[in-house]
Structure formats: structure tokens, C-alpha cells
Protein backbone atom coordinates (compact mmCIF):
# COMPACT_ATOMS: atom_id res chain seq x y z
CA ARG A 1 7.98 -19.57 -11.52
CA ILE A 2 4.63 -20.26 -9.86
CA GLY A 3 6.39 -20.59 -6.52
CA ASN A 4 8.00 -17.17 -6.31
CA VAL A 5 4.86 -15.40 -7.57
CA LEU A 6 2.78 -17.35 -5.03
CA VAL A 7 5.17 -16.55 -2.18
CA ARG A 8 4.92 -12.84 -2.92
CA GLN A 9 1.13 -12.94 -2.94
CA LEU A 10 0.98 -14.96 0.29
CA LEU A 11 3.23 -12.41 2.00
CA GLU A 12 1.12 -9.56 0.68
CA ALA A 13 -1.95 -11.26 2.16
CA GLY A 14 -0.24 -11.36 5.56
CA HIS A 15 0.69 -15.03 5.77
CA GLN A 16 3.88 -16.42 7.30
CA VAL A 17 5.73 -18.45 4.70
CA ARG A 18 8.34 -21.19 4.91
CA VAL A 19 9.93 -22.55 1.73
CA LEU A 20 11.76 -25.78 0.95
CA GLU A 21 14.20 -25.31 -1.93
CA ARG A 22 16.75 -27.67 -3.39
CA ARG A 23 19.13 -24.75 -3.82
CA LYS A 24 19.03 -21.05 -3.04
CA ARG A 25 17.10 -19.17 -5.70
CA THR A 26 17.60 -15.53 -6.59
CA SER A 27 13.84 -15.18 -7.09
CA LEU A 28 13.31 -15.28 -3.32
CA ALA A 29 16.25 -13.07 -2.36
CA GLY A 30 15.33 -10.40 0.17
CA LEU A 31 11.84 -11.73 0.88
CA PRO A 32 10.80 -12.18 4.55
CA VAL A 33 10.41 -15.96 4.32
CA GLN A 34 12.06 -18.83 6.15
CA ARG A 35 14.15 -20.67 3.58
CA ILE A 36 15.14 -24.29 4.09
CA GLU A 37 17.60 -25.99 1.76
CA GLY A 38 16.58 -29.59 1.37
CA ASN A 39 15.03 -32.29 -0.75
CA ILE A 40 11.43 -33.35 -1.30
CA ASN A 41 12.58 -36.98 -1.00
CA ASP A 42 14.30 -36.42 2.36
CA PRO A 43 12.04 -37.06 5.41
CA LYS A 44 14.15 -34.73 7.59
CA SER A 45 13.70 -31.88 5.12
CA ILE A 46 9.95 -32.50 5.04
CA ASP A 47 9.79 -32.64 8.83
CA THR A 48 11.60 -29.30 9.16
CA LEU A 49 9.40 -27.73 6.49
CA LEU A 50 6.06 -28.76 7.98
CA GLN A 51 6.76 -28.13 11.67
CA GLY A 52 3.97 -25.89 12.96
CA CYS A 53 2.34 -25.37 9.54
CA GLU A 54 -1.36 -25.41 8.74
CA VAL A 55 -1.29 -25.65 4.94
CA VAL A 56 1.34 -26.75 2.43
CA TYR A 57 1.54 -25.87 -1.25
CA HIS A 58 3.26 -28.70 -3.11
CA LEU A 59 4.99 -27.27 -6.19
CA ALA A 60 8.16 -29.37 -6.25
CA ALA A 61 8.42 -31.19 -9.57
CA PHE A 62 10.90 -32.47 -12.10
CA VAL A 63 9.62 -31.07 -15.40
CA SER A 64 10.99 -32.95 -18.39
CA ILE A 65 10.40 -32.91 -22.14
CA SER A 66 13.28 -35.33 -22.67
CA GLY A 67 12.64 -38.65 -20.96
CA GLY A 68 12.77 -39.89 -17.39
CA HIS A 69 16.29 -38.71 -16.52
CA HIS A 70 17.33 -42.09 -15.10
CA GLY A 71 14.30 -42.36 -12.84
CA MET A 72 14.53 -38.86 -11.35
CA VAL A 73 11.23 -37.73 -12.87
CA GLU A 74 9.36 -40.52 -11.08
CA LYS A 75 11.42 -40.16 -7.90
CA VAL A 76 10.62 -36.47 -7.50
CA ASN A 77 7.10 -36.32 -8.90
CA VAL A 78 5.66 -39.54 -7.49
CA GLU A 79 7.82 -40.63 -4.56
CA GLY A 80 8.37 -37.03 -3.47
CA THR A 81 4.62 -36.47 -3.37
CA ARG A 82 4.17 -39.58 -1.23
CA GLN A 83 6.88 -38.34 1.12
CA LEU A 84 5.27 -34.92 1.50
CA VAL A 85 1.82 -36.38 2.13
CA SER A 86 3.23 -38.68 4.80
CA GLY A 87 4.80 -35.70 6.53
CA ALA A 88 1.61 -33.66 6.26
CA ILE A 89 -0.38 -36.44 7.90
CA ASN A 90 2.18 -36.82 10.69
CA HIS A 91 2.10 -33.08 11.40
CA GLY A 92 -1.68 -32.83 11.25
CA LEU A 93 -1.88 -30.28 8.45
CA ARG A 94 -5.35 -29.04 7.55
CA ARG A 95 -4.89 -28.86 3.79
CA ILE A 96 -2.50 -29.78 0.97
CA ILE A 97 -2.72 -27.74 -2.23
CA TYR A 98 -1.04 -29.87 -4.86
CA PHE A 99 0.08 -28.53 -8.22
CA GLY A 100 -0.53 -31.13 -10.88
CA SER A 101 -0.52 -30.57 -14.62
CA ILE A 102 -2.68 -30.84 -17.71
CA HIS A 103 -0.11 -33.49 -18.70
CA ALA A 104 -1.61 -35.80 -16.08
CA PHE A 105 -4.63 -36.24 -18.36
CA GLN A 106 -4.87 -38.25 -21.56
CA THR A 107 -4.82 -36.25 -24.77
CA GLY A 108 -5.20 -37.14 -28.44
CA ASP A 109 -7.67 -35.24 -30.57
CA PRO A 110 -7.03 -31.49 -30.06
CA GLU A 111 -10.63 -30.71 -31.06
CA LEU A 112 -12.17 -32.70 -28.19
CA GLU A 113 -13.04 -30.74 -25.05
CA ILE A 114 -11.16 -31.80 -21.94
CA ASP A 115 -12.52 -31.53 -18.43
CA GLU A 116 -11.65 -33.08 -15.07
CA ASN A 117 -13.38 -36.33 -16.02
CA GLN A 118 -10.77 -37.01 -18.70
CA PRO A 119 -8.92 -40.31 -17.96
CA LEU A 120 -5.48 -39.96 -16.41
CA ALA A 121 -2.34 -40.72 -18.43
CA ILE A 122 -1.31 -43.50 -16.04
CA ASP A 123 0.25 -45.61 -18.79
CA SER A 124 1.65 -42.81 -20.96
CA SER A 125 4.90 -43.47 -22.80
CA VAL A 126 6.00 -39.96 -21.76
CA ALA A 127 7.74 -40.16 -18.38
CA TYR A 128 6.65 -36.73 -17.15
CA ASN A 129 2.99 -37.24 -18.09
CA ARG A 130 2.95 -40.67 -16.48
CA SER A 131 4.54 -39.38 -13.27
CA LYS A 132 2.06 -36.50 -12.91
CA ALA A 133 -0.86 -38.85 -13.55
CA GLN A 134 0.34 -41.33 -10.94
CA ALA A 135 0.96 -38.57 -8.39
CA LEU A 136 -2.48 -37.06 -8.99
CA GLN A 137 -4.19 -40.43 -8.70
CA PHE A 138 -2.40 -41.04 -5.41
CA ILE A 139 -3.00 -37.67 -3.79
CA LEU A 140 -6.71 -37.51 -4.61
CA ASN A 141 -7.19 -40.70 -2.60
CA VAL A 142 -5.37 -39.45 0.51
CA ARG A 143 -7.37 -39.53 3.74
CA GLY A 144 -6.58 -37.00 6.46
CA PRO A 145 -5.61 -33.56 5.20
CA GLU A 146 -7.98 -31.83 2.78
CA ILE A 147 -6.60 -32.16 -0.76
CA ILE A 148 -7.02 -29.58 -3.51
CA ALA A 149 -5.24 -30.31 -6.80
CA LEU A 150 -4.67 -27.49 -9.29
CA CYS A 151 -3.65 -28.67 -12.76
CA PRO A 152 -2.42 -25.80 -14.95
CA THR A 153 -1.77 -25.84 -18.67
CA ALA A 154 1.43 -24.23 -20.06
CA VAL A 155 2.44 -21.55 -17.56
CA ILE A 156 3.50 -18.20 -18.98
CA GLY A 157 3.87 -14.68 -17.64
CA PRO A 158 6.07 -12.33 -15.61
CA GLY A 159 8.29 -13.34 -12.69
CA ASP A 160 10.28 -15.89 -14.70
CA PHE A 161 13.63 -15.42 -12.94
CA GLU A 162 15.16 -18.66 -14.24
CA PRO A 163 13.45 -18.69 -17.63
CA SER A 164 11.21 -21.72 -18.04
CA TYR A 165 10.56 -23.43 -21.37
CA THR A 166 7.86 -20.87 -22.16
CA GLY A 167 10.03 -17.99 -20.98
CA GLN A 168 12.93 -19.19 -23.11
CA MET A 169 10.62 -19.39 -26.10
CA LEU A 170 9.50 -15.77 -25.65
CA LEU A 171 13.10 -14.62 -25.30
CA MET A 172 14.20 -16.55 -28.39
CA MET A 173 11.33 -15.13 -30.43
CA HIS A 174 12.35 -11.60 -29.42
CA GLN A 175 16.03 -12.28 -30.12
CA GLY A 176 15.42 -13.81 -33.55
CA LYS A 177 16.80 -17.18 -32.49
CA LEU A 178 13.87 -19.20 -33.84
CA PRO A 179 14.40 -19.39 -37.62
CA LEU A 180 11.42 -21.72 -38.04
CA LEU A 181 8.34 -22.65 -36.03
CA VAL A 182 6.88 -26.11 -35.56
CA GLN A 183 3.25 -26.95 -36.16
CA GLY A 184 0.73 -27.17 -33.36
CA GLY A 185 -0.09 -25.14 -30.30
CA TYR A 186 -1.08 -25.26 -26.67
CA ASN A 187 -3.22 -23.71 -23.98
CA TRP A 188 -1.27 -20.94 -22.24
CA VAL A 189 -2.19 -19.71 -18.76
CA ASP A 190 -0.92 -16.64 -16.92
CA VAL A 191 1.02 -17.44 -13.75
CA ARG A 192 -0.86 -14.68 -11.92
CA ASP A 193 -4.21 -16.29 -12.70
CA ILE A 194 -2.98 -19.62 -11.36
CA VAL A 195 -1.73 -17.96 -8.19
CA GLN A 196 -5.05 -16.17 -7.67
CA ALA A 197 -6.80 -19.56 -7.73
CA ALA A 198 -4.14 -20.97 -5.41
CA LEU A 199 -4.73 -18.21 -2.86
CA LEU A 200 -8.46 -18.88 -2.83
CA ALA A 201 -7.73 -22.60 -2.50
CA LEU A 202 -6.51 -21.97 1.05
CA ASP A 203 -10.14 -22.17 2.14
CA GLN A 204 -12.24 -22.73 -0.96
CA GLY A 205 -12.68 -25.69 -3.27
CA GLN A 206 -14.05 -29.17 -2.69
CA PRO A 207 -11.54 -31.41 -0.84
CA GLY A 208 -10.43 -34.42 -2.83
CA THR A 209 -10.95 -32.60 -6.11
CA ALA A 210 -8.76 -31.73 -9.09
CA TYR A 211 -9.25 -28.50 -11.03
CA LEU A 212 -7.96 -27.80 -14.52
CA VAL A 213 -6.57 -24.25 -14.54
CA SER A 214 -6.35 -23.11 -18.14
CA GLY A 215 -6.05 -19.93 -20.15
CA HIS A 216 -6.24 -19.57 -23.92
CA TYR A 217 -5.20 -21.79 -26.81
CA ALA A 218 -2.79 -20.37 -29.38
CA SER A 219 -0.69 -22.04 -32.05
CA LEU A 220 2.99 -21.13 -32.16
CA THR A 221 2.20 -19.10 -35.28
CA ASP A 222 -0.53 -17.20 -33.40
CA LEU A 223 1.92 -16.61 -30.57
CA ALA A 224 4.58 -15.31 -32.96
CA LYS A 225 2.08 -12.88 -34.48
CA MET A 226 1.15 -11.60 -31.01
CA VAL A 227 4.81 -11.16 -30.06
CA GLN A 228 5.49 -9.22 -33.25
CA ALA A 229 2.43 -7.00 -32.79
CA ILE A 230 3.26 -6.27 -29.14
CA THR A 231 7.03 -5.77 -29.38
CA GLY A 232 7.48 -4.52 -32.93
CA VAL A 233 10.22 -7.11 -33.46
CA ASN A 234 10.09 -9.21 -36.62
CA VAL A 235 9.31 -12.78 -35.59
CA THR A 236 9.37 -15.64 -38.07
CA GLN A 237 6.02 -17.22 -38.82
CA THR A 238 7.42 -19.82 -41.22
CA LEU A 239 6.49 -23.38 -40.34
CA ALA A 240 9.06 -26.14 -40.69
CA PRO A 241 7.72 -29.26 -42.44
CA ASP A 242 7.16 -32.22 -40.14
CA TRP A 243 9.73 -34.39 -41.93
CA LEU A 244 12.44 -31.78 -41.39
CA VAL A 245 11.58 -31.32 -37.71
CA HIS A 246 11.75 -35.05 -37.01
CA LEU A 247 14.89 -35.45 -39.11
CA GLY A 248 16.56 -32.85 -36.92
CA LEU A 249 15.71 -34.50 -33.58
CA PRO A 250 19.02 -36.43 -33.17
CA PHE A 251 21.06 -33.33 -34.00
CA VAL A 252 19.09 -31.14 -31.59
CA ARG A 253 19.63 -33.75 -28.87
CA LEU A 254 23.36 -34.01 -29.64
CA TYR A 255 23.79 -30.21 -29.56
CA ALA A 256 22.02 -30.02 -26.19
CA THR A 257 24.28 -32.75 -24.80
CA VAL A 258 27.48 -31.09 -26.03
CA THR A 259 26.47 -27.62 -24.81
CA LYS A 260 24.88 -28.96 -21.59
CA SER A 261 21.72 -27.04 -22.38
CA ASP A 262 18.04 -27.90 -22.74
CA PRO A 263 17.11 -29.18 -26.20
CA LEU A 264 15.28 -26.69 -28.41
CA TYR A 265 12.60 -29.30 -29.00
CA THR A 266 12.08 -33.02 -28.35
CA ARG A 267 9.75 -35.81 -29.39
CA GLU A 268 7.71 -35.22 -26.23
CA ALA A 269 7.41 -31.49 -26.90
CA LEU A 270 6.31 -32.06 -30.50
CA LEU A 271 3.68 -34.55 -29.33
CA ALA A 272 2.36 -32.09 -26.73
CA LEU A 273 2.03 -29.34 -29.35
CA LYS A 274 0.34 -31.70 -31.80
CA GLU A 275 -2.18 -33.02 -29.25
CA GLY A 276 -2.67 -29.81 -27.24
CA SER A 277 -6.40 -29.43 -26.67
CA ARG A 278 -8.06 -26.34 -28.12
CA HIS A 279 -10.98 -26.69 -25.71
CA ILE A 280 -10.46 -27.05 -21.96
CA SER A 281 -13.48 -26.62 -19.71
CA LEU A 282 -13.37 -23.80 -17.17
CA LEU A 283 -16.71 -24.66 -15.54
CA LYS A 284 -15.33 -26.38 -12.46
CA VAL A 285 -12.50 -23.97 -11.63
CA ARG A 286 -14.70 -20.95 -12.37
CA LYS A 287 -17.38 -22.14 -9.96
CA ALA A 288 -14.89 -22.93 -7.17
CA PHE A 289 -12.59 -19.91 -7.43
CA GLU A 290 -14.46 -17.33 -9.57
CA TYR A 291 -11.73 -17.95 -12.12
CA HIS A 292 -11.48 -15.76 -15.22
CA PRO A 293 -8.17 -15.91 -17.15
CA ARG A 294 -6.88 -12.62 -18.51
CA PRO A 295 -6.27 -12.12 -22.26
CA LEU A 296 -3.15 -13.81 -23.63
CA GLU A 297 -2.04 -10.54 -25.23
CA GLU A 298 -1.90 -8.95 -21.76
CA THR A 299 0.22 -11.83 -20.48
CA ILE A 300 2.71 -11.54 -23.34
CA ARG A 301 2.94 -7.76 -23.01
CA ASP A 302 3.57 -8.00 -19.26
CA SER A 303 6.12 -10.79 -19.76
CA TYR A 304 8.26 -8.67 -22.08
CA ARG A 305 7.92 -5.67 -19.80
CA TRP A 306 9.19 -7.82 -16.91
CA PHE A 307 12.07 -9.26 -18.95
CA LYS A 308 13.18 -5.75 -19.86
CA GLU A 309 12.86 -4.42 -16.31
CA HIS A 310 15.03 -7.30 -15.06
CA ARG A 311 17.55 -6.95 -17.92
CA TYR A 312 16.92 -10.22 -19.70
CA LEU A 313 16.35 -8.03 -22.75
CA PRO A 314 17.81 -4.62 -23.65
């Protein structure tokens, strides 16, 4: 989702844009961009992508809340990053703007404030977290191109053409498909706020630096209340007991396998919600990019407006 919103803003700012995509995406249909079908792990694809470029935004990632997918999470997130950096050095690019994740940092106590000095989750048992930590550690030590790393929290907001985990959650809340909520919460950040920081990162920011790009913390119950207040739809605010949620994990996984769909929740997702920090420092990103996240209520309202305009909802 970040990619298509970013592309639109880059075009609006007058930049020429070339995109590497694993498959053609409807979100970019009709836009005046050069589209290359390829693979982040393929040197030829990288070479074609970077020919004649000055700056590259690295958004390619394998996002997973259900394990390492037979090594693909590490292959894309770590090895793919190494491949892109190698190509950027060979082509003499001025700057790489890398999109990391809050998941690259160690978490635990949700009441402790997190900033960019938080240790990386290099040895995490969660494959996705570990891969993003390893990729971030690698890219911040690159010599040659200037490196800016933007590490968002849970991305939410309009422009979600292929609904992400957060987009699916909003749709399911609206459609009454979530009979119970799980405990915990997360920091939610509007995709448009991330993109605004990314645009400024073309020339601003301290090279070799990571920036946490966060929004506002809300529990799933808080989120459900906001959705109900904004849409007028009755949304459950009943919390499932922990024992029931964990008892259901094997059945949720089995259903997802049979239906070839994403699981409704996983062990990794439950852990993220349980450990999601309520306090994430904005000092560094605010100083570098004059960053001020919009209210979460505005994000939710605009998300539902977008879903309706694009017929995801009646």
C-alpha cells in the first residue's frame, strides 16, 4: 500500500518513476510510470530497475505473521536487500531510502518508551522480525550511497487496493465478521504520513540513520469503538479470553490452509498485539522531517470513505 501512495505523490511532485513489481498490480494501472516485472532477488531485474536512477525507494518485503514460509521471508527481506544495495552501488545511486519496520526492534513491556536506540531483534524467534532486524543492521552499515531507513508501525489508511492485514481488519469490523476481539493493541500510522516523510527523505535526514515513523496507539477495543462511532455500524467490543484464543490457533491455521487464505490470527500476531508499545518516540523523525501524524479517527474515516468509493463496501 505504501508503494502506490508514494508513486502517486512522486508523480505529483514532478518526478520520473520506475517501478519493479513481482506481478502487475491494479493499484498502478493507468499511471505514467515505467513498470518492470521482475524479482528483488534477480540481479538482472535490479540492473534494469536502477539504470539511470538517482534514488531508489526499497519497499519490497515479504510480510508474514505465520512463520518463515520455507525461507522466503529471509530470502526476500535480507538477501533481496543485499542484492538491491549491490546494484545501487554499481549504478552510483546517490541515496537509498529503505523501508524497515517497528518489528526490527526488540519489544517486551508495552509501557516502556521505544526510540531508535532500542536494540534490534536480531535473534527473534519470529521470522519476519528477525529478517527486518538483520536487513536494517546490514543497510545502516553500507558505505557508498546515502542510506535513510524509515521504520513504520502498523500501516493503515486509504489506497489499500489489495487489502493488507489492517485493511482486512477494518473491512471485517464493518461487515460484522469479527465476533470477538483479542486483547492488546498496536501503534497505527497513516500511510499518507509515512509517504510525506518519505518524500522529504529524498534530500533530508541524516545518512546512515533509522527513523521510527509512528502514529497513535489504540487497543483493538479502542479501534472497534472508533469504527462504530465513525460508520454507525455495530462492531463487537467483546474480548475473547486468552485461553480460548490460544485453543483456537490450530483450527484457525487449518481453516486458512484449506481455504488458501491468510489466517485470521496467529501466534506471531497475538504476540505483537500483546507487546505493542504504547509509547514510541517521535523526537527524531519530527526533527528530521517536521513529522506530525494526523489523528487516528481521521485515518479510519478516510479509509472507509476510500473503501466505499472503490466498491470494497456498499
